[in-house]
Amino acid sequence: MSLPSRLDAASTNEARVTRLKNHVQLADSKNTARRASVNDVVQEETIVRTGNVSRAEVTFSDETFLRLAAHTAFDFNHGTRG
């Protein structure tokens, strides 16, 4: 699997799912949670959640990344990464 060399937007409030294993969900206030897929966009109102024995990686537009272990949640909090 290759990682994207560049994300479309230069926003600090956007990332892409670049890796996942087992049960990873994306949720926001407007829609019910759904199963995540590689290349899904994670925006300010999106929460990434990992389940039991699950992992995920999100890559930001500045090419930094975050790896989530099992039973972890990630979201943007008013322009910061929380």
PDB file of N, CA and C in Angstrom:
ATOM      1  N   MET A   1       0.848  -1.171   0.000  1.00  0.00           N
ATOM      2  CA  MET A   1       0.000   0.000   0.000  1.00  0.00           C
ATOM      3  C   MET A   1       0.891   1.230   0.000  1.00  0.00           C
ATOM      4  N   SER A   2       0.587   2.176  -0.827  1.00  0.00           N
ATOM      5  CA  SER A   2       1.372   3.397  -0.857  1.00  0.00           C
ATOM      6  C   SER A   2       0.586   4.517  -0.210  1.00  0.00           C
ATOM      7  N   LEU A   3       1.302   5.395   0.439  1.00  0.00           N
ATOM      8  CA  LEU A   3       0.679   6.544   1.067  1.00  0.00           C
ATOM      9  C   LEU A   3       0.556   7.675   0.064  1.00  0.00           C
ATOM     10  N   PRO A   4      -0.463   8.506   0.200  1.00  0.00           N
ATOM     11  CA  PRO A   4      -0.577   9.618  -0.739  1.00  0.00           C
ATOM     12  C   PRO A   4       0.599  10.562  -0.578  1.00  0.00           C
ATOM     13  N   SER A   5       1.123  11.035  -1.686  1.00  0.00           N
ATOM     14  CA  SER A   5       2.255  11.946  -1.602  1.00  0.00           C
ATOM     15  C   SER A   5       1.803  13.346  -1.210  1.00  0.00           C
ATOM     16  N   ARG A   6       0.522  13.626  -1.446  1.00  0.00           N
ATOM     17  CA  ARG A   6       0.013  14.956  -1.142  1.00  0.00           C
ATOM     18  C   ARG A   6      -1.500  14.870  -1.019  1.00  0.00           C
ATOM     19  N   LEU A   7      -2.054  15.513  -0.011  1.00  0.00           N
ATOM     20  CA  LEU A   7      -3.499  15.580   0.114  1.00  0.00           C
ATOM     21  C   LEU A   7      -4.013  16.741  -0.713  1.00  0.00           C
ATOM     22  N   ASP A   8      -5.254  16.662  -1.151  1.00  0.00           N
ATOM     23  CA  ASP A   8      -5.813  17.687  -2.022  1.00  0.00           C
ATOM     24  C   ASP A   8      -5.801  19.077  -1.401  1.00  0.00           C
ATOM     25  N   ALA A   9      -6.264  19.207  -0.183  1.00  0.00           N
ATOM     26  CA  ALA A   9      -6.356  20.528   0.440  1.00  0.00           C
ATOM     27  C   ALA A   9      -5.174  20.748   1.366  1.00  0.00           C
ATOM     28  N   ALA A  10      -4.781  21.985   1.515  1.00  0.00           N
ATOM     29  CA  ALA A  10      -3.695  22.321   2.422  1.00  0.00           C
ATOM     30  C   ALA A  10      -4.237  22.683   3.794  1.00  0.00           C
ATOM     31  N   SER A  11      -5.442  22.300   4.065  1.00  0.00           N
ATOM     32  CA  SER A  11      -6.098  22.632   5.323  1.00  0.00           C
ATOM     33  C   SER A  11      -5.490  21.867   6.485  1.00  0.00           C
ATOM     34  N   THR A  12      -5.407  22.523   7.646  1.00  0.00           N
ATOM     35  CA  THR A  12      -4.961  21.835   8.849  1.00  0.00           C
ATOM     36  C   THR A  12      -6.132  21.135   9.520  1.00  0.00           C
ATOM     37  N   ASN A  13      -7.325  21.286   8.968  1.00  0.00           N
ATOM     38  CA  ASN A  13      -8.515  20.652   9.526  1.00  0.00           C
ATOM     39  C   ASN A  13      -9.003  19.509   8.646  1.00  0.00           C
ATOM     40  N   GLU A  14      -8.103  18.875   7.940  1.00  0.00           N
ATOM     41  CA  GLU A  14      -8.483  17.763   7.079  1.00  0.00           C
ATOM     42  C   GLU A  14      -7.355  16.746   7.033  1.00  0.00           C
ATOM     43  N   ALA A  15      -7.750  15.484   6.975  1.00  0.00           N
ATOM     44  CA  ALA A  15      -6.788  14.391   6.869  1.00  0.00           C
ATOM     45  C   ALA A  15      -7.441  13.280   6.043  1.00  0.00           C
ATOM     46  N   ARG A  16      -6.667  12.243   5.753  1.00  0.00           N
ATOM     47  CA  ARG A  16      -7.203  11.068   5.050  1.00  0.00           C
ATOM     48  C   ARG A  16      -6.842   9.825   5.848  1.00  0.00           C
ATOM     49  N   VAL A  17      -7.734   8.864   5.809  1.00  0.00           N
ATOM     50  CA  VAL A  17      -7.442   7.559   6.387  1.00  0.00           C
ATOM     51  C   VAL A  17      -6.473   6.874   5.439  1.00  0.00           C
ATOM     52  N   THR A  18      -5.300   6.516   5.935  1.00  0.00           N
ATOM     53  CA  THR A  18      -4.296   5.911   5.068  1.00  0.00           C
ATOM     54  C   THR A  18      -4.055   4.437   5.370  1.00  0.00           C
ATOM     55  N   ARG A  19      -4.444   3.999   6.558  1.00  0.00           N
ATOM     56  CA  ARG A  19      -4.352   2.576   6.902  1.00  0.00           C
ATOM     57  C   ARG A  19      -5.425   2.271   7.933  1.00  0.00           C
ATOM     58  N   LEU A  20      -5.900   1.037   7.896  1.00  0.00           N
ATOM     59  CA  LEU A  20      -6.818   0.609   8.944  1.00  0.00           C
ATOM     60  C   LEU A  20      -6.777  -0.896   9.086  1.00  0.00           C
ATOM     61  N   LYS A  21      -7.139  -1.333  10.277  1.00  0.00           N
ATOM     62  CA  LYS A  21      -7.172  -2.758  10.570  1.00  0.00           C
ATOM     63  C   LYS A  21      -8.380  -3.026  11.455  1.00  0.00           C
ATOM     64  N   ASN A  22      -9.183  -3.981  11.060  1.00  0.00           N
ATOM     65  CA  ASN A  22     -10.371  -4.419  11.786  1.00  0.00           C
ATOM     66  C   ASN A  22     -11.452  -3.344  11.829  1.00  0.00           C
ATOM     67  N   HIS A  23     -11.987  -3.049  12.988  1.00  0.00           N
ATOM     68  CA  HIS A  23     -13.188  -2.223  13.103  1.00  0.00           C
ATOM     69  C   HIS A  23     -12.840  -0.745  13.355  1.00  0.00           C
ATOM     70  N   VAL A  24     -12.920   0.064  12.311  1.00  0.00           N
ATOM     71  CA  VAL A  24     -12.664   1.502  12.402  1.00  0.00           C
ATOM     72  C   VAL A  24     -13.890   2.216  11.850  1.00  0.00           C
ATOM     73  N   GLN A  25     -14.405   3.196  12.599  1.00  0.00           N
ATOM     74  CA  GLN A  25     -15.603   3.921  12.187  1.00  0.00           C
ATOM     75  C   GLN A  25     -15.338   5.411  12.072  1.00  0.00           C
ATOM     76  N   LEU A  26     -16.110   6.048  11.179  1.00  0.00           N
ATOM     77  CA  LEU A  26     -16.144   7.501  11.059  1.00  0.00           C
ATOM     78  C   LEU A  26     -17.544   7.937  11.456  1.00  0.00           C
ATOM     79  N   ALA A  27     -17.633   8.987  12.254  1.00  0.00           N
ATOM     80  CA  ALA A  27     -18.936   9.492  12.686  1.00  0.00           C
ATOM     81  C   ALA A  27     -18.893  11.009  12.697  1.00  0.00           C
ATOM     82  N   ASP A  28     -20.055  11.624  12.501  1.00  0.00           N
ATOM     83  CA  ASP A  28     -20.180  13.066  12.665  1.00  0.00           C
ATOM     84  C   ASP A  28     -21.576  13.372  13.185  1.00  0.00           C
ATOM     85  N   SER A  29     -21.846  14.618  13.469  1.00  0.00           N
ATOM     86  CA  SER A  29     -23.123  14.995  14.072  1.00  0.00           C
ATOM     87  C   SER A  29     -24.297  14.866  13.109  1.00  0.00           C
ATOM     88  N   LYS A  30     -24.050  14.825  11.805  1.00  0.00           N
ATOM     89  CA  LYS A  30     -25.121  14.784  10.809  1.00  0.00           C
ATOM     90  C   LYS A  30     -25.496  13.373  10.378  1.00  0.00           C
ATOM     91  N   ASN A  31     -24.584  12.424  10.483  1.00  0.00           N
ATOM     92  CA  ASN A  31     -24.814  11.062   9.990  1.00  0.00           C
ATOM     93  C   ASN A  31     -24.503  10.041  11.071  1.00  0.00           C
ATOM     94  N   THR A  32     -25.058   8.863  10.922  1.00  0.00           N
ATOM     95  CA  THR A  32     -24.708   7.779  11.827  1.00  0.00           C
ATOM     96  C   THR A  32     -23.303   7.293  11.504  1.00  0.00           C
ATOM     97  N   ALA A  33     -22.705   6.587  12.435  1.00  0.00           N
ATOM     98  CA  ALA A  33     -21.354   6.070  12.233  1.00  0.00           C
ATOM     99  C   ALA A  33     -21.349   5.076  11.078  1.00  0.00           C
ATOM    100  N   ARG A  34     -20.242   5.075  10.346  1.00  0.00           N
ATOM    101  CA  ARG A  34     -20.092   4.129   9.245  1.00  0.00           C
ATOM    102  C   ARG A  34     -18.675   3.573   9.252  1.00  0.00           C
ATOM    103  N   ARG A  35     -18.522   2.455   8.618  1.00  0.00           N
ATOM    104  CA  ARG A  35     -17.212   1.809   8.534  1.00  0.00           C
ATOM    105  C   ARG A  35     -16.267   2.669   7.705  1.00  0.00           C
ATOM    106  N   ALA A  36     -15.065   2.860   8.196  1.00  0.00           N
ATOM    107  CA  ALA A  36     -14.062   3.658   7.484  1.00  0.00           C
ATOM    108  C   ALA A  36     -13.412   2.837   6.378  1.00  0.00           C
ATOM    109  N   SER A  37     -12.937   3.532   5.363  1.00  0.00           N
ATOM    110  CA  SER A  37     -12.181   2.932   4.264  1.00  0.00           C
ATOM    111  C   SER A  37     -10.923   3.757   4.029  1.00  0.00           C
ATOM    112  N   VAL A  38      -9.918   3.122   3.447  1.00  0.00           N
ATOM    113  CA  VAL A  38      -8.698   3.852   3.085  1.00  0.00           C
ATOM    114  C   VAL A  38      -9.081   4.962   2.112  1.00  0.00           C
ATOM    115  N   ASN A  39      -8.495   6.122   2.295  1.00  0.00           N
ATOM    116  CA  ASN A  39      -8.703   7.350   1.516  1.00  0.00           C
ATOM    117  C   ASN A  39      -9.947   8.136   1.915  1.00  0.00           C
ATOM    118  N   ASP A  40     -10.709   7.689   2.918  1.00  0.00           N
ATOM    119  CA  ASP A  40     -11.811   8.510   3.422  1.00  0.00           C
ATOM    120  C   ASP A  40     -11.250   9.815   3.972  1.00  0.00           C
ATOM    121  N   VAL A  41     -11.973  10.891   3.734  1.00  0.00           N
ATOM    122  CA  VAL A  41     -11.562  12.208   4.233  1.00  0.00           C
ATOM    123  C   VAL A  41     -12.083  12.384   5.651  1.00  0.00           C
ATOM    124  N   VAL A  42     -11.214  12.871   6.524  1.00  0.00           N
ATOM    125  CA  VAL A  42     -11.574  13.180   7.910  1.00  0.00           C
ATOM    126  C   VAL A  42     -11.533  14.688   8.041  1.00  0.00           C
ATOM    127  N   GLN A  43     -12.706  15.294   8.249  1.00  0.00           N
ATOM    128  CA  GLN A  43     -12.796  16.748   8.372  1.00  0.00           C
ATOM    129  C   GLN A  43     -13.102  17.147   9.803  1.00  0.00           C
ATOM    130  N   GLU A  44     -13.258  18.439  10.025  1.00  0.00           N
ATOM    131  CA  GLU A  44     -13.389  18.968  11.380  1.00  0.00           C
ATOM    132  C   GLU A  44     -14.502  18.317  12.196  1.00  0.00           C
ATOM    133  N   GLU A  45     -15.624  17.985  11.606  1.00  0.00           N
ATOM    134  CA  GLU A  45     -16.727  17.418  12.374  1.00  0.00           C
ATOM    135  C   GLU A  45     -16.725  15.893  12.422  1.00  0.00           C
ATOM    136  N   THR A  46     -15.697  15.269  11.875  1.00  0.00           N
ATOM    137  CA  THR A  46     -15.629  13.812  11.826  1.00  0.00           C
ATOM    138  C   THR A  46     -14.830  13.265  13.003  1.00  0.00           C
ATOM    139  N   ILE A  47     -15.332  12.179  13.580  1.00  0.00           N
ATOM    140  CA  ILE A  47     -14.627  11.470  14.651  1.00  0.00           C
ATOM    141  C   ILE A  47     -14.199  10.114  14.102  1.00  0.00           C
ATOM    142  N   VAL A  48     -12.936   9.764  14.321  1.00  0.00           N
ATOM    143  CA  VAL A  48     -12.416   8.452  13.939  1.00  0.00           C
ATOM    144  C   VAL A  48     -12.356   7.624  15.215  1.00  0.00           C
ATOM    145  N   ARG A  49     -13.002   6.445  15.202  1.00  0.00           N
ATOM    146  CA  ARG A  49     -13.013   5.562  16.376  1.00  0.00           C
ATOM    147  C   ARG A  49     -12.519   4.180  15.988  1.00  0.00           C
ATOM    148  N   THR A  50     -11.649   3.632  16.836  1.00  0.00           N
ATOM    149  CA  THR A  50     -11.181   2.271  16.619  1.00  0.00           C
ATOM    150  C   THR A  50     -11.820   1.350  17.658  1.00  0.00           C
ATOM    151  N   GLY A  51     -12.095   0.124  17.248  1.00  0.00           N
ATOM    152  CA  GLY A  51     -12.697  -0.861  18.135  1.00  0.00           C
ATOM    153  C   GLY A  51     -11.656  -1.776  18.746  1.00  0.00           C
ATOM    154  N   ASN A  52     -12.136  -2.886  19.271  1.00  0.00           N
ATOM    155  CA  ASN A  52     -11.286  -3.889  19.896  1.00  0.00           C
ATOM    156  C   ASN A  52     -10.295  -4.447  18.870  1.00  0.00           C
ATOM    157  N   VAL A  53      -9.047  -4.586  19.256  1.00  0.00           N
ATOM    158  CA  VAL A  53      -7.935  -5.047  18.404  1.00  0.00           C
ATOM    159  C   VAL A  53      -7.941  -4.387  17.024  1.00  0.00           C
ATOM    160  N   SER A  54      -8.230  -3.117  16.985  1.00  0.00           N
ATOM    161  CA  SER A  54      -8.287  -2.356  15.737  1.00  0.00           C
ATOM    162  C   SER A  54      -7.266  -1.231  15.767  1.00  0.00           C
ATOM    163  N   ARG A  55      -6.889  -0.785  14.570  1.00  0.00           N
ATOM    164  CA  ARG A  55      -5.926   0.304  14.449  1.00  0.00           C
ATOM    165  C   ARG A  55      -6.274   1.139  13.231  1.00  0.00           C
ATOM    166  N   ALA A  56      -5.824   2.389  13.257  1.00  0.00           N
ATOM    167  CA  ALA A  56      -6.021   3.261  12.102  1.00  0.00           C
ATOM    168  C   ALA A  56      -4.861   4.238  12.012  1.00  0.00           C
ATOM    169  N   GLU A  57      -4.657   4.745  10.819  1.00  0.00           N
ATOM    170  CA  GLU A  57      -3.665   5.794  10.600  1.00  0.00           C
ATOM    171  C   GLU A  57      -4.326   6.864   9.748  1.00  0.00           C
ATOM    172  N   VAL A  58      -4.194   8.118  10.165  1.00  0.00           N
ATOM    173  CA  VAL A  58      -4.672   9.249   9.371  1.00  0.00           C
ATOM    174  C   VAL A  58      -3.473  10.126   9.044  1.00  0.00           C
ATOM    175  N   THR A  59      -3.439  10.595   7.799  1.00  0.00           N
ATOM    176  CA  THR A  59      -2.333  11.421   7.330  1.00  0.00           C
ATOM    177  C   THR A  59      -2.873  12.809   7.011  1.00  0.00           C
ATOM    178  N   PHE A  60      -2.187  13.820   7.517  1.00  0.00           N
ATOM    179  CA  PHE A  60      -2.603  15.212   7.360  1.00  0.00           C
ATOM    180  C   PHE A  60      -1.965  15.829   6.123  1.00  0.00           C
ATOM    181  N   SER A  61      -2.469  16.973   5.719  1.00  0.00           N
ATOM    182  CA  SER A  61      -1.988  17.629   4.502  1.00  0.00           C
ATOM    183  C   SER A  61      -0.518  18.035   4.589  1.00  0.00           C
ATOM    184  N   ASP A  62      -0.002  18.212   5.803  1.00  0.00           N
ATOM    185  CA  ASP A  62       1.418  18.548   5.953  1.00  0.00           C
ATOM    186  C   ASP A  62       2.298  17.298   6.028  1.00  0.00           C
ATOM    187  N   GLU A  63       1.702  16.130   5.684  1.00  0.00           N
ATOM    188  CA  GLU A  63       2.364  14.837   5.635  1.00  0.00           C
ATOM    189  C   GLU A  63       2.723  14.266   6.998  1.00  0.00           C
ATOM    190  N   THR A  64       2.245  14.865   8.090  1.00  0.00           N
ATOM    191  CA  THR A  64       2.358  14.217   9.388  1.00  0.00           C
ATOM    192  C   THR A  64       1.234  13.204   9.490  1.00  0.00           C
ATOM    193  N   PHE A  65       1.390  12.255  10.385  1.00  0.00           N
ATOM    194  CA  PHE A  65       0.353  11.243  10.519  1.00  0.00           C
ATOM    195  C   PHE A  65       0.128  10.922  11.983  1.00  0.00           C
ATOM    196  N   LEU A  66      -1.000  10.298  12.232  1.00  0.00           N
ATOM    197  CA  LEU A  66      -1.390   9.892  13.572  1.00  0.00           C
ATOM    198  C   LEU A  66      -1.812   8.440  13.496  1.00  0.00           C
ATOM    199  N   ARG A  67      -1.275   7.622  14.378  1.00  0.00           N
ATOM    200  CA  ARG A  67      -1.676   6.222  14.446  1.00  0.00           C
ATOM    201  C   ARG A  67      -2.526   6.025  15.692  1.00  0.00           C
ATOM    202  N   LEU A  68      -3.686   5.436  15.495  1.00  0.00           N
ATOM    203  CA  LEU A  68      -4.626   5.202  16.585  1.00  0.00           C
ATOM    204  C   LEU A  68      -4.591   3.729  16.975  1.00  0.00           C
ATOM    205  N   ALA A  69      -4.458   3.464  18.255  1.00  0.00           N
ATOM    206  CA  ALA A  69      -4.499   2.102  18.775  1.00  0.00           C
ATOM    207  C   ALA A  69      -5.948   1.696  19.013  1.00  0.00           C
ATOM    208  N   ALA A  70      -6.151   0.506  19.524  1.00  0.00           N
ATOM    209  CA  ALA A  70      -7.494   0.008  19.818  1.00  0.00           C
ATOM    210  C   ALA A  70      -8.178   0.892  20.859  1.00  0.00           C
ATOM    211  N   HIS A  71      -9.485   1.016  20.736  1.00  0.00           N
ATOM    212  CA  HIS A  71     -10.323   1.780  21.672  1.00  0.00           C
ATOM    213  C   HIS A  71      -9.877   3.240  21.788  1.00  0.00           C
ATOM    214  N   THR A  72      -9.649   3.872  20.648  1.00  0.00           N
ATOM    215  CA  THR A  72      -9.191   5.257  20.610  1.00  0.00           C
ATOM    216  C   THR A  72     -10.125   6.079  19.739  1.00  0.00           C
ATOM    217  N   ALA A  73     -10.258   7.365  20.053  1.00  0.00           N
ATOM    218  CA  ALA A  73     -11.044   8.278  19.222  1.00  0.00           C
ATOM    219  C   ALA A  73     -10.195   9.501  18.905  1.00  0.00           C
ATOM    220  N   PHE A  74     -10.384  10.041  17.708  1.00  0.00           N
ATOM    221  CA  PHE A  74      -9.667  11.244  17.275  1.00  0.00           C
ATOM    222  C   PHE A  74     -10.657  12.180  16.604  1.00  0.00           C
ATOM    223  N   ASP A  75     -10.482  13.486  16.859  1.00  0.00           N
ATOM    224  CA  ASP A  75     -11.233  14.512  16.133  1.00  0.00           C
ATOM    225  C   ASP A  75     -10.448  15.808  16.137  1.00  0.00           C
ATOM    226  N   PHE A  76     -10.905  16.752  15.312  1.00  0.00           N
ATOM    227  CA  PHE A  76     -10.343  18.099  15.326  1.00  0.00           C
ATOM    228  C   PHE A  76     -11.143  18.896  16.330  1.00  0.00           C
ATOM    229  N   ASN A  77     -10.491  19.695  17.132  1.00  0.00           N
ATOM    230  CA  ASN A  77     -11.175  20.503  18.128  1.00  0.00           C
ATOM    231  C   ASN A  77     -10.880  21.966  17.844  1.00  0.00           C
ATOM    232  N   HIS A  78     -11.751  22.617  17.085  1.00  0.00           N
ATOM    233  CA  HIS A  78     -11.598  24.036  16.718  1.00  0.00           C
ATOM    234  C   HIS A  78     -10.222  24.322  16.134  1.00  0.00           C
ATOM    235  N   GLY A  79      -9.838  23.522  15.153  1.00  0.00           N
ATOM    236  CA  GLY A  79      -8.578  23.749  14.455  1.00  0.00           C
ATOM    237  C   GLY A  79      -7.383  23.049  15.060  1.00  0.00           C
ATOM    238  N   THR A  80      -7.563  22.361  16.193  1.00  0.00           N
ATOM    239  CA  THR A  80      -6.465  21.605  16.774  1.00  0.00           C
ATOM    240  C   THR A  80      -6.768  20.128  16.630  1.00  0.00           C
ATOM    241  N   ARG A  81      -5.782  19.316  16.822  1.00  0.00           N
ATOM    242  CA  ARG A  81      -5.946  17.866  16.701  1.00  0.00           C
ATOM    243  C   ARG A  81      -6.104  17.296  18.098  1.00  0.00           C
ATOM    244  N   GLY A  82      -7.263  16.666  18.365  1.00  0.00           N
ATOM    245  CA  GLY A  82      -7.543  16.173  19.725  1.00  0.00           C
ATOM    246  C   GLY A  82      -7.724  14.699  19.812  1.00  0.00           C
TER     247      GLY A  82
END
